[in-house]
Amino acid sequence: MRGIGLAAVLIAALSSCDPDAARAVEACSVICDCEASTFDQDECLSECVNEILQDVRIPDACFTCISDHRDRCLSIDSDCQDPCSTDEPPVPDEPPVAVDAGVPNDDAF
């Protein structure tokens, strides 16, 4: 029950300032609820969120699959393996740099 309270606090705190963090908390709460018998809920949630925020971005298809399996824990691994194992192209931090292809020849006009 503490995990649910922790998840609620984390969602409230993170969703107002970081949408990726809110997605991580939501996805991790589903994953940790499904694995509650093998992990301490609070520890699972904390480790999962930290791992996602430091290492990966949750692809939209993966996030949707995990969210849809909130009440279907037995099939989350098999159903979400493909959408969660594919990488989305990285989002660039900076706009692309324009490459100068050269100056047109004045004779061409």
PDB file of N, CA and C in Angstrom:
ATOM      1  N   MET A   1       0.822  -1.188   0.000  1.00  0.00           N
ATOM      2  CA  MET A   1       0.000   0.000   0.000  1.00  0.00           C
ATOM      3  C   MET A   1       0.871   1.259   0.000  1.00  0.00           C
ATOM      4  N   ARG A   2       2.050   1.182   0.632  1.00  0.00           N
ATOM      5  CA  ARG A   2       2.935   2.340   0.638  1.00  0.00           C
ATOM      6  C   ARG A   2       3.371   2.693  -0.770  1.00  0.00           C
ATOM      7  N   GLY A   3       3.560   1.675  -1.620  1.00  0.00           N
ATOM      8  CA  GLY A   3       3.984   1.907  -2.998  1.00  0.00           C
ATOM      9  C   GLY A   3       2.984   2.743  -3.759  1.00  0.00           C
ATOM     10  N   ILE A   4       1.716   2.498  -3.517  1.00  0.00           N
ATOM     11  CA  ILE A   4       0.675   3.275  -4.185  1.00  0.00           C
ATOM     12  C   ILE A   4       0.748   4.726  -3.728  1.00  0.00           C
ATOM     13  N   GLY A   5       0.959   4.929  -2.442  1.00  0.00           N
ATOM     14  CA  GLY A   5       1.090   6.285  -1.924  1.00  0.00           C
ATOM     15  C   GLY A   5       2.317   6.974  -2.483  1.00  0.00           C
ATOM     16  N   LEU A   6       3.428   6.251  -2.543  1.00  0.00           N
ATOM     17  CA  LEU A   6       4.660   6.810  -3.101  1.00  0.00           C
ATOM     18  C   LEU A   6       4.465   7.141  -4.571  1.00  0.00           C
ATOM     19  N   ALA A   7       3.824   6.250  -5.312  1.00  0.00           N
ATOM     20  CA  ALA A   7       3.579   6.500  -6.729  1.00  0.00           C
ATOM     21  C   ALA A   7       2.719   7.738  -6.914  1.00  0.00           C
ATOM     22  N   ALA A   8       1.714   7.889  -6.092  1.00  0.00           N
ATOM     23  CA  ALA A   8       0.830   9.056  -6.202  1.00  0.00           C
ATOM     24  C   ALA A   8       1.602  10.342  -5.935  1.00  0.00           C
ATOM     25  N   VAL A   9       2.456  10.327  -4.930  1.00  0.00           N
ATOM     26  CA  VAL A   9       3.259  11.517  -4.610  1.00  0.00           C
ATOM     27  C   VAL A   9       4.231  11.808  -5.751  1.00  0.00           C
ATOM     28  N   LEU A  10       4.894  10.772  -6.266  1.00  0.00           N
ATOM     29  CA  LEU A  10       5.837  10.976  -7.358  1.00  0.00           C
ATOM     30  C   LEU A  10       5.138  11.488  -8.606  1.00  0.00           C
ATOM     31  N   ILE A  11       3.987  10.927  -8.924  1.00  0.00           N
ATOM     32  CA  ILE A  11       3.247  11.380 -10.104  1.00  0.00           C
ATOM     33  C   ILE A  11       2.856  12.832  -9.956  1.00  0.00           C
ATOM     34  N   ALA A  12       2.346  13.194  -8.802  1.00  0.00           N
ATOM     35  CA  ALA A  12       1.925  14.586  -8.581  1.00  0.00           C
ATOM     36  C   ALA A  12       3.114  15.534  -8.679  1.00  0.00           C
ATOM     37  N   ALA A  13       4.233  15.152  -8.103  1.00  0.00           N
ATOM     38  CA  ALA A  13       5.402  16.031  -8.095  1.00  0.00           C
ATOM     39  C   ALA A  13       6.050  16.136  -9.469  1.00  0.00           C
ATOM     40  N   LEU A  14       6.158  15.016 -10.165  1.00  0.00           N
ATOM     41  CA  LEU A  14       6.894  15.010 -11.419  1.00  0.00           C
ATOM     42  C   LEU A  14       6.068  15.423 -12.626  1.00  0.00           C
ATOM     43  N   SER A  15       4.786  15.140 -12.602  1.00  0.00           N
ATOM     44  CA  SER A  15       3.979  15.419 -13.786  1.00  0.00           C
ATOM     45  C   SER A  15       3.842  16.904 -14.047  1.00  0.00           C
ATOM     46  N   SER A  16       3.960  17.717 -13.009  1.00  0.00           N
ATOM     47  CA  SER A  16       3.819  19.155 -13.207  1.00  0.00           C
ATOM     48  C   SER A  16       5.030  19.766 -13.881  1.00  0.00           C
ATOM     49  N   CYS A  17       6.187  19.087 -13.821  1.00  0.00           N
ATOM     50  CA  CYS A  17       7.378  19.707 -14.374  1.00  0.00           C
ATOM     51  C   CYS A  17       8.086  18.872 -15.433  1.00  0.00           C
ATOM     52  N   ASP A  18       7.833  17.571 -15.501  1.00  0.00           N
ATOM     53  CA  ASP A  18       8.558  16.730 -16.446  1.00  0.00           C
ATOM     54  C   ASP A  18       7.658  15.606 -16.953  1.00  0.00           C
ATOM     55  N   PRO A  19       7.149  15.722 -18.179  1.00  0.00           N
ATOM     56  CA  PRO A  19       6.253  14.690 -18.695  1.00  0.00           C
ATOM     57  C   PRO A  19       6.926  13.331 -18.830  1.00  0.00           C
ATOM     58  N   ASP A  20       8.239  13.281 -19.149  1.00  0.00           N
ATOM     59  CA  ASP A  20       8.930  11.997 -19.242  1.00  0.00           C
ATOM     60  C   ASP A  20       8.988  11.314 -17.877  1.00  0.00           C
ATOM     61  N   ALA A  21       9.177  12.095 -16.826  1.00  0.00           N
ATOM     62  CA  ALA A  21       9.208  11.532 -15.478  1.00  0.00           C
ATOM     63  C   ALA A  21       7.836  10.996 -15.090  1.00  0.00           C
ATOM     64  N   ALA A  22       6.788  11.712 -15.450  1.00  0.00           N
ATOM     65  CA  ALA A  22       5.437  11.243 -15.140  1.00  0.00           C
ATOM     66  C   ALA A  22       5.137   9.939 -15.870  1.00  0.00           C
ATOM     67  N   ARG A  23       5.577   9.844 -17.126  1.00  0.00           N
ATOM     68  CA  ARG A  23       5.391   8.595 -17.884  1.00  0.00           C
ATOM     69  C   ARG A  23       6.163   7.455 -17.236  1.00  0.00           C
ATOM     70  N   ALA A  24       7.385   7.747 -16.774  1.00  0.00           N
ATOM     71  CA  ALA A  24       8.200   6.719 -16.127  1.00  0.00           C
ATOM     72  C   ALA A  24       7.528   6.212 -14.860  1.00  0.00           C
ATOM     73  N   VAL A  25       6.999   7.124 -14.058  1.00  0.00           N
ATOM     74  CA  VAL A  25       6.322   6.727 -12.817  1.00  0.00           C
ATOM     75  C   VAL A  25       5.096   5.892 -13.130  1.00  0.00           C
ATOM     76  N   GLU A  26       4.322   6.304 -14.121  1.00  0.00           N
ATOM     77  CA  GLU A  26       3.110   5.553 -14.465  1.00  0.00           C
ATOM     78  C   GLU A  26       3.446   4.157 -14.976  1.00  0.00           C
ATOM     79  N   ALA A  27       4.408   4.061 -15.885  1.00  0.00           N
ATOM     80  CA  ALA A  27       4.807   2.756 -16.408  1.00  0.00           C
ATOM     81  C   ALA A  27       5.390   1.881 -15.299  1.00  0.00           C
ATOM     82  N   CYS A  28       6.233   2.461 -14.464  1.00  0.00           N
ATOM     83  CA  CYS A  28       6.861   1.684 -13.388  1.00  0.00           C
ATOM     84  C   CYS A  28       5.847   1.234 -12.347  1.00  0.00           C
ATOM     85  N   SER A  29       4.824   2.026 -12.109  1.00  0.00           N
ATOM     86  CA  SER A  29       3.827   1.594 -11.128  1.00  0.00           C
ATOM     87  C   SER A  29       3.093   0.355 -11.631  1.00  0.00           C
ATOM     88  N   VAL A  30       2.830   0.273 -12.938  1.00  0.00           N
ATOM     89  CA  VAL A  30       2.201  -0.926 -13.500  1.00  0.00           C
ATOM     90  C   VAL A  30       3.157  -2.108 -13.405  1.00  0.00           C
ATOM     91  N   ILE A  31       4.408  -1.893 -13.812  1.00  0.00           N
ATOM     92  CA  ILE A  31       5.398  -2.974 -13.785  1.00  0.00           C
ATOM     93  C   ILE A  31       5.590  -3.483 -12.361  1.00  0.00           C
ATOM     94  N   CYS A  32       5.734  -2.577 -11.407  1.00  0.00           N
ATOM     95  CA  CYS A  32       5.979  -2.985 -10.025  1.00  0.00           C
ATOM     96  C   CYS A  32       4.748  -3.617  -9.382  1.00  0.00           C
ATOM     97  N   ASP A  33       3.549  -3.170  -9.769  1.00  0.00           N
ATOM     98  CA  ASP A  33       2.336  -3.826  -9.273  1.00  0.00           C
ATOM     99  C   ASP A  33       2.299  -5.274  -9.751  1.00  0.00           C
ATOM    100  N   CYS A  34       2.735  -5.502 -10.982  1.00  0.00           N
ATOM    101  CA  CYS A  34       2.743  -6.859 -11.525  1.00  0.00           C
ATOM    102  C   CYS A  34       3.824  -7.728 -10.883  1.00  0.00           C
ATOM    103  N   GLU A  35       4.888  -7.109 -10.408  1.00  0.00           N
ATOM    104  CA  GLU A  35       5.992  -7.856  -9.806  1.00  0.00           C
ATOM    105  C   GLU A  35       6.001  -7.731  -8.286  1.00  0.00           C
ATOM    106  N   ALA A  36       4.886  -7.368  -7.698  1.00  0.00           N
ATOM    107  CA  ALA A  36       4.826  -7.091  -6.256  1.00  0.00           C
ATOM    108  C   ALA A  36       5.241  -8.285  -5.410  1.00  0.00           C
ATOM    109  N   SER A  37       5.051  -9.481  -5.911  1.00  0.00           N
ATOM    110  CA  SER A  37       5.394 -10.655  -5.110  1.00  0.00           C
ATOM    111  C   SER A  37       6.897 -10.879  -5.033  1.00  0.00           C
ATOM    112  N   THR A  38       7.656 -10.302  -5.978  1.00  0.00           N
ATOM    113  CA  THR A  38       9.099 -10.544  -5.991  1.00  0.00           C
ATOM    114  C   THR A  38       9.920  -9.365  -5.497  1.00  0.00           C
ATOM    115  N   PHE A  39       9.346  -8.202  -5.394  1.00  0.00           N
ATOM    116  CA  PHE A  39      10.090  -7.015  -4.981  1.00  0.00           C
ATOM    117  C   PHE A  39       9.317  -6.233  -3.930  1.00  0.00           C
ATOM    118  N   ASP A  40      10.069  -5.486  -3.140  1.00  0.00           N
ATOM    119  CA  ASP A  40       9.447  -4.496  -2.279  1.00  0.00           C
ATOM    120  C   ASP A  40       8.915  -3.411  -3.199  1.00  0.00           C
ATOM    121  N   GLN A  41       7.653  -3.052  -3.053  1.00  0.00           N
ATOM    122  CA  GLN A  41       6.989  -2.114  -3.957  1.00  0.00           C
ATOM    123  C   GLN A  41       7.722  -0.776  -4.055  1.00  0.00           C
ATOM    124  N   ASP A  42       8.088  -0.187  -2.923  1.00  0.00           N
ATOM    125  CA  ASP A  42       8.777   1.110  -2.934  1.00  0.00           C
ATOM    126  C   ASP A  42      10.133   1.012  -3.616  1.00  0.00           C
ATOM    127  N   GLU A  43      10.880  -0.033  -3.304  1.00  0.00           N
ATOM    128  CA  GLU A  43      12.206  -0.223  -3.897  1.00  0.00           C
ATOM    129  C   GLU A  43      12.095  -0.438  -5.403  1.00  0.00           C
ATOM    130  N   CYS A  44      11.137  -1.250  -5.803  1.00  0.00           N
ATOM    131  CA  CYS A  44      10.921  -1.517  -7.224  1.00  0.00           C
ATOM    132  C   CYS A  44      10.611  -0.227  -7.968  1.00  0.00           C
ATOM    133  N   LEU A  45       9.692   0.557  -7.444  1.00  0.00           N
ATOM    134  CA  LEU A  45       9.276   1.797  -8.095  1.00  0.00           C
ATOM    135  C   LEU A  45      10.442   2.771  -8.205  1.00  0.00           C
ATOM    136  N   SER A  46      11.177   2.926  -7.138  1.00  0.00           N
ATOM    137  CA  SER A  46      12.312   3.847  -7.134  1.00  0.00           C
ATOM    138  C   SER A  46      13.379   3.432  -8.148  1.00  0.00           C
ATOM    139  N   GLU A  47      13.755   2.146  -8.147  1.00  0.00           N
ATOM    140  CA  GLU A  47      14.778   1.659  -9.068  1.00  0.00           C
ATOM    141  C   GLU A  47      14.326   1.760 -10.518  1.00  0.00           C
ATOM    142  N   CYS A  48      13.085   1.404 -10.776  1.00  0.00           N
ATOM    143  CA  CYS A  48      12.544   1.438 -12.132  1.00  0.00           C
ATOM    144  C   CYS A  48      12.536   2.860 -12.682  1.00  0.00           C
ATOM    145  N   VAL A  49      12.020   3.796 -11.916  1.00  0.00           N
ATOM    146  CA  VAL A  49      11.952   5.190 -12.367  1.00  0.00           C
ATOM    147  C   VAL A  49      13.361   5.739 -12.597  1.00  0.00           C
ATOM    148  N   ASN A  50      14.277   5.479 -11.690  1.00  0.00           N
ATOM    149  CA  ASN A  50      15.655   5.960 -11.857  1.00  0.00           C
ATOM    150  C   ASN A  50      16.286   5.395 -13.120  1.00  0.00           C
ATOM    151  N   GLU A  51      16.066   4.116 -13.371  1.00  0.00           N
ATOM    152  CA  GLU A  51      16.645   3.473 -14.554  1.00  0.00           C
ATOM    153  C   GLU A  51      16.087   4.101 -15.838  1.00  0.00           C
ATOM    154  N   ILE A  52      14.786   4.291 -15.877  1.00  0.00           N
ATOM    155  CA  ILE A  52      14.173   4.867 -17.076  1.00  0.00           C
ATOM    156  C   ILE A  52      14.646   6.292 -17.296  1.00  0.00           C
ATOM    157  N   LEU A  53      14.687   7.092 -16.250  1.00  0.00           N
ATOM    158  CA  LEU A  53      15.068   8.491 -16.409  1.00  0.00           C
ATOM    159  C   LEU A  53      16.539   8.660 -16.762  1.00  0.00           C
ATOM    160  N   GLN A  54      17.390   7.740 -16.331  1.00  0.00           N
ATOM    161  CA  GLN A  54      18.819   7.862 -16.606  1.00  0.00           C
ATOM    162  C   GLN A  54      19.228   7.234 -17.929  1.00  0.00           C
ATOM    163  N   ASP A  55      18.570   6.149 -18.306  1.00  0.00           N
ATOM    164  CA  ASP A  55      19.078   5.363 -19.426  1.00  0.00           C
ATOM    165  C   ASP A  55      18.239   5.398 -20.694  1.00  0.00           C
ATOM    166  N   VAL A  56      16.954   5.434 -20.565  1.00  0.00           N
ATOM    167  CA  VAL A  56      16.124   5.246 -21.746  1.00  0.00           C
ATOM    168  C   VAL A  56      14.952   6.206 -21.772  1.00  0.00           C
ATOM    169  N   ARG A  57      14.342   6.302 -22.918  1.00  0.00           N
ATOM    170  CA  ARG A  57      13.081   7.013 -23.084  1.00  0.00           C
ATOM    171  C   ARG A  57      12.068   5.945 -23.452  1.00  0.00           C
ATOM    172  N   ILE A  58      10.910   5.986 -22.848  1.00  0.00           N
ATOM    173  CA  ILE A  58       9.891   4.975 -23.116  1.00  0.00           C
ATOM    174  C   ILE A  58       9.226   5.299 -24.453  1.00  0.00           C
ATOM    175  N   PRO A  59       9.366   4.399 -25.446  1.00  0.00           N
ATOM    176  CA  PRO A  59       8.668   4.624 -26.712  1.00  0.00           C
ATOM    177  C   PRO A  59       7.157   4.659 -26.485  1.00  0.00           C
ATOM    178  N   ASP A  60       6.450   5.414 -27.311  1.00  0.00           N
ATOM    179  CA  ASP A  60       5.005   5.547 -27.153  1.00  0.00           C
ATOM    180  C   ASP A  60       4.290   4.200 -27.192  1.00  0.00           C
ATOM    181  N   ALA A  61       4.680   3.326 -28.126  1.00  0.00           N
ATOM    182  CA  ALA A  61       4.028   2.015 -28.240  1.00  0.00           C
ATOM    183  C   ALA A  61       4.256   1.177 -26.981  1.00  0.00           C
ATOM    184  N   CYS A  62       5.435   1.264 -26.406  1.00  0.00           N
ATOM    185  CA  CYS A  62       5.756   0.536 -25.177  1.00  0.00           C
ATOM    186  C   CYS A  62       4.937   1.073 -24.012  1.00  0.00           C
ATOM    187  N   PHE A  63       4.885   2.389 -23.887  1.00  0.00           N
ATOM    188  CA  PHE A  63       4.132   3.013 -22.803  1.00  0.00           C
ATOM    189  C   PHE A  63       2.656   2.623 -22.878  1.00  0.00           C
ATOM    190  N   THR A  64       2.096   2.645 -24.074  1.00  0.00           N
ATOM    191  CA  THR A  64       0.694   2.273 -24.266  1.00  0.00           C
ATOM    192  C   THR A  64       0.474   0.814 -23.902  1.00  0.00           C
ATOM    193  N   CYS A  65       1.377  -0.051 -24.342  1.00  0.00           N
ATOM    194  CA  CYS A  65       1.250  -1.479 -24.046  1.00  0.00           C
ATOM    195  C   CYS A  65       1.286  -1.731 -22.546  1.00  0.00           C
ATOM    196  N   ILE A  66       2.233  -1.129 -21.858  1.00  0.00           N
ATOM    197  CA  ILE A  66       2.341  -1.314 -20.410  1.00  0.00           C
ATOM    198  C   ILE A  66       1.097  -0.780 -19.712  1.00  0.00           C
ATOM    199  N   SER A  67       0.653   0.406 -20.103  1.00  0.00           N
ATOM    200  CA  SER A  67      -0.547   0.986 -19.486  1.00  0.00           C
ATOM    201  C   SER A  67      -1.778   0.117 -19.712  1.00  0.00           C
ATOM    202  N   ASP A  68      -1.884  -0.461 -20.896  1.00  0.00           N
ATOM    203  CA  ASP A  68      -3.030  -1.322 -21.217  1.00  0.00           C
ATOM    204  C   ASP A  68      -3.008  -2.639 -20.445  1.00  0.00           C
ATOM    205  N   HIS A  69      -1.857  -3.011 -19.910  1.00  0.00           N
ATOM    206  CA  HIS A  69      -1.725  -4.284 -19.180  1.00  0.00           C
ATOM    207  C   HIS A  69      -1.808  -4.112 -17.665  1.00  0.00           C
ATOM    208  N   ARG A  70      -2.360  -3.015 -17.222  1.00  0.00           N
ATOM    209  CA  ARG A  70      -2.482  -2.755 -15.790  1.00  0.00           C
ATOM    210  C   ARG A  70      -3.180  -3.906 -15.081  1.00  0.00           C
ATOM    211  N   ASP A  71      -4.164  -4.501 -15.726  1.00  0.00           N
ATOM    212  CA  ASP A  71      -4.910  -5.604 -15.104  1.00  0.00           C
ATOM    213  C   ASP A  71      -4.640  -6.944 -15.777  1.00  0.00           C
ATOM    214  N   ARG A  72      -3.578  -7.011 -16.570  1.00  0.00           N
ATOM    215  CA  ARG A  72      -3.219  -8.260 -17.253  1.00  0.00           C
ATOM    216  C   ARG A  72      -1.729  -8.537 -17.083  1.00  0.00           C
ATOM    217  N   CYS A  73      -1.307  -8.724 -15.859  1.00  0.00           N
ATOM    218  CA  CYS A  73       0.116  -8.897 -15.550  1.00  0.00           C
ATOM    219  C   CYS A  73       0.719 -10.143 -16.183  1.00  0.00           C
ATOM    220  N   LEU A  74      -0.064 -11.185 -16.309  1.00  0.00           N
ATOM    221  CA  LEU A  74       0.495 -12.438 -16.815  1.00  0.00           C
ATOM    222  C   LEU A  74       0.982 -12.328 -18.254  1.00  0.00           C
ATOM    223  N   SER A  75       0.416 -11.426 -19.012  1.00  0.00           N
ATOM    224  CA  SER A  75       0.807 -11.323 -20.420  1.00  0.00           C
ATOM    225  C   SER A  75       1.639 -10.076 -20.742  1.00  0.00           C
ATOM    226  N   ILE A  76       1.988  -9.306 -19.737  1.00  0.00           N
ATOM    227  CA  ILE A  76       2.723  -8.065 -20.008  1.00  0.00           C
ATOM    228  C   ILE A  76       4.088  -8.337 -20.648  1.00  0.00           C
ATOM    229  N   ASP A  77       4.812  -9.342 -20.174  1.00  0.00           N
ATOM    230  CA  ASP A  77       6.130  -9.632 -20.740  1.00  0.00           C
ATOM    231  C   ASP A  77       6.039 -10.058 -22.198  1.00  0.00           C
ATOM    232  N   SER A  78       5.154 -10.991 -22.494  1.00  0.00           N
ATOM    233  CA  SER A  78       5.068 -11.493 -23.864  1.00  0.00           C
ATOM    234  C   SER A  78       4.446 -10.474 -24.809  1.00  0.00           C
ATOM    235  N   ASP A  79       3.418  -9.772 -24.374  1.00  0.00           N
ATOM    236  CA  ASP A  79       2.738  -8.818 -25.254  1.00  0.00           C
ATOM    237  C   ASP A  79       3.539  -7.543 -25.483  1.00  0.00           C
ATOM    238  N   CYS A  80       4.295  -7.106 -24.502  1.00  0.00           N
ATOM    239  CA  CYS A  80       4.996  -5.823 -24.606  1.00  0.00           C
ATOM    240  C   CYS A  80       6.464  -5.961 -24.987  1.00  0.00           C
ATOM    241  N   GLN A  81       6.925  -7.169 -25.194  1.00  0.00           N
ATOM    242  CA  GLN A  81       8.336  -7.360 -25.516  1.00  0.00           C
ATOM    243  C   GLN A  81       8.719  -6.653 -26.817  1.00  0.00           C
ATOM    244  N   ASP A  82       7.931  -6.825 -27.872  1.00  0.00           N
ATOM    245  CA  ASP A  82       8.275  -6.191 -29.153  1.00  0.00           C
ATOM    246  C   ASP A  82       8.194  -4.665 -29.104  1.00  0.00           C
ATOM    247  N   PRO A  83       7.075  -4.083 -28.638  1.00  0.00           N
ATOM    248  CA  PRO A  83       7.044  -2.612 -28.634  1.00  0.00           C
ATOM    249  C   PRO A  83       8.056  -1.981 -27.680  1.00  0.00           C
ATOM    250  N   CYS A  84       8.450  -2.704 -26.650  1.00  0.00           N
ATOM    251  CA  CYS A  84       9.386  -2.128 -25.679  1.00  0.00           C
ATOM    252  C   CYS A  84      10.838  -2.385 -26.032  1.00  0.00           C
ATOM    253  N   SER A  85      11.096  -3.282 -26.967  1.00  0.00           N
ATOM    254  CA  SER A  85      12.492  -3.561 -27.304  1.00  0.00           C
ATOM    255  C   SER A  85      12.950  -2.767 -28.516  1.00  0.00           C
ATOM    256  N   THR A  86      12.037  -2.141 -29.238  1.00  0.00           N
ATOM    257  CA  THR A  86      12.436  -1.331 -30.380  1.00  0.00           C
ATOM    258  C   THR A  86      12.787   0.062 -29.910  1.00  0.00           C
ATOM    259  N   ASP A  87      13.823   0.608 -30.481  1.00  0.00           N
ATOM    260  CA  ASP A  87      14.274   1.951 -30.120  1.00  0.00           C
ATOM    261  C   ASP A  87      13.663   2.963 -31.076  1.00  0.00           C
ATOM    262  N   GLU A  88      13.175   4.045 -30.514  1.00  0.00           N
ATOM    263  CA  GLU A  88      12.749   5.157 -31.344  1.00  0.00           C
ATOM    264  C   GLU A  88      13.991   5.961 -31.687  1.00  0.00           C
ATOM    265  N   PRO A  89      13.978   6.649 -32.817  1.00  0.00           N
ATOM    266  CA  PRO A  89      15.141   7.479 -33.120  1.00  0.00           C
ATOM    267  C   PRO A  89      15.338   8.518 -32.025  1.00  0.00           C
ATOM    268  N   PRO A  90      16.580   8.818 -31.681  1.00  0.00           N
ATOM    269  CA  PRO A  90      16.821   9.785 -30.615  1.00  0.00           C
ATOM    270  C   PRO A  90      16.311  11.167 -31.000  1.00  0.00           C
ATOM    271  N   VAL A  91      15.822  11.867 -30.020  1.00  0.00           N
ATOM    272  CA  VAL A  91      15.357  13.231 -30.230  1.00  0.00           C
ATOM    273  C   VAL A  91      16.568  14.145 -30.068  1.00  0.00           C
ATOM    274  N   PRO A  92      16.905  14.900 -31.128  1.00  0.00           N
ATOM    275  CA  PRO A  92      18.097  15.750 -31.022  1.00  0.00           C
ATOM    276  C   PRO A  92      17.892  16.877 -30.021  1.00  0.00           C
ATOM    277  N   ASP A  93      18.967  17.203 -29.303  1.00  0.00           N
ATOM    278  CA  ASP A  93      18.928  18.287 -28.337  1.00  0.00           C
ATOM    279  C   ASP A  93      19.040  19.633 -29.028  1.00  0.00           C
ATOM    280  N   GLU A  94      19.661  19.638 -30.195  1.00  0.00           N
ATOM    281  CA  GLU A  94      19.884  20.870 -30.926  1.00  0.00           C
ATOM    282  C   GLU A  94      19.279  20.740 -32.314  1.00  0.00           C
ATOM    283  N   PRO A  95      18.887  21.858 -32.914  1.00  0.00           N
ATOM    284  CA  PRO A  95      18.362  21.770 -34.284  1.00  0.00           C
ATOM    285  C   PRO A  95      19.466  21.327 -35.236  1.00  0.00           C
ATOM    286  N   PRO A  96      19.092  20.670 -36.329  1.00  0.00           N
ATOM    287  CA  PRO A  96      20.119  20.222 -37.278  1.00  0.00           C
ATOM    288  C   PRO A  96      20.848  21.418 -37.896  1.00  0.00           C
ATOM    289  N   VAL A  97      22.092  21.196 -38.232  1.00  0.00           N
ATOM    290  CA  VAL A  97      22.915  22.244 -38.838  1.00  0.00           C
ATOM    291  C   VAL A  97      22.744  22.167 -40.346  1.00  0.00           C
ATOM    292  N   ALA A  98      22.438  23.295 -40.962  1.00  0.00           N
ATOM    293  CA  ALA A  98      22.292  23.338 -42.414  1.00  0.00           C
ATOM    294  C   ALA A  98      23.659  23.195 -43.063  1.00  0.00           C
ATOM    295  N   VAL A  99      23.725  22.376 -44.090  1.00  0.00           N
ATOM    296  CA  VAL A  99      24.973  22.157 -44.809  1.00  0.00           C
ATOM    297  C   VAL A  99      24.922  22.965 -46.093  1.00  0.00           C
ATOM    298  N   ASP A 100      25.963  23.753 -46.317  1.00  0.00           N
ATOM    299  CA  ASP A 100      26.024  24.575 -47.525  1.00  0.00           C
ATOM    300  C   ASP A 100      26.449  23.691 -48.681  1.00  0.00           C
ATOM    301  N   ALA A 101      25.593  23.604 -49.687  1.00  0.00           N
ATOM    302  CA  ALA A 101      25.884  22.765 -50.847  1.00  0.00           C
ATOM    303  C   ALA A 101      26.684  23.512 -51.895  1.00  0.00           C
ATOM    304  N   GLY A 102      27.049  24.699 -51.608  1.00  0.00           N
ATOM    305  CA  GLY A 102      27.852  25.474 -52.560  1.00  0.00           C
ATOM    306  C   GLY A 102      27.090  26.668 -53.062  1.00  0.00           C
ATOM    307  N   VAL A 103      27.809  27.543 -53.736  1.00  0.00           N
ATOM    308  CA  VAL A 103      27.210  28.754 -54.295  1.00  0.00           C
ATOM    309  C   VAL A 103      26.890  28.476 -55.744  1.00  0.00           C
ATOM    310  N   PRO A 104      25.663  28.810 -56.198  1.00  0.00           N
ATOM    311  CA  PRO A 104      25.342  28.558 -57.597  1.00  0.00           C
ATOM    312  C   PRO A 104      26.216  29.403 -58.527  1.00  0.00           C
ATOM    313  N   ASN A 105      26.468  28.867 -59.672  1.00  0.00           N
ATOM    314  CA  ASN A 105      27.281  29.531 -60.676  1.00  0.00           C
ATOM    315  C   ASN A 105      26.473  30.680 -61.260  1.00  0.00           C
ATOM    316  N   ASP A 106      27.100  31.882 -61.374  1.00  0.00           N
ATOM    317  CA  ASP A 106      26.408  33.048 -61.920  1.00  0.00           C
ATOM    318  C   ASP A 106      26.013  32.831 -63.385  1.00  0.00           C
ATOM    319  N   ASP A 107      26.750  31.992 -64.096  1.00  0.00           N
ATOM    320  CA  ASP A 107      26.455  31.732 -65.500  1.00  0.00           C
ATOM    321  C   ASP A 107      25.177  30.931 -65.675  1.00  0.00           C
ATOM    322  N   ALA A 108      24.725  30.284 -64.625  1.00  0.00           N
ATOM    323  CA  ALA A 108      23.545  29.433 -64.734  1.00  0.00           C
ATOM    324  C   ALA A 108      22.277  30.246 -64.810  1.00  0.00           C
ATOM    325  N   PHE A 109      22.313  31.503 -64.445  1.00  0.00           N
ATOM    326  CA  PHE A 109      21.107  32.326 -64.450  1.00  0.00           C
ATOM    327  C   PHE A 109      20.928  33.015 -65.734  1.00  0.00           C
TER     328      PHE A 109
END
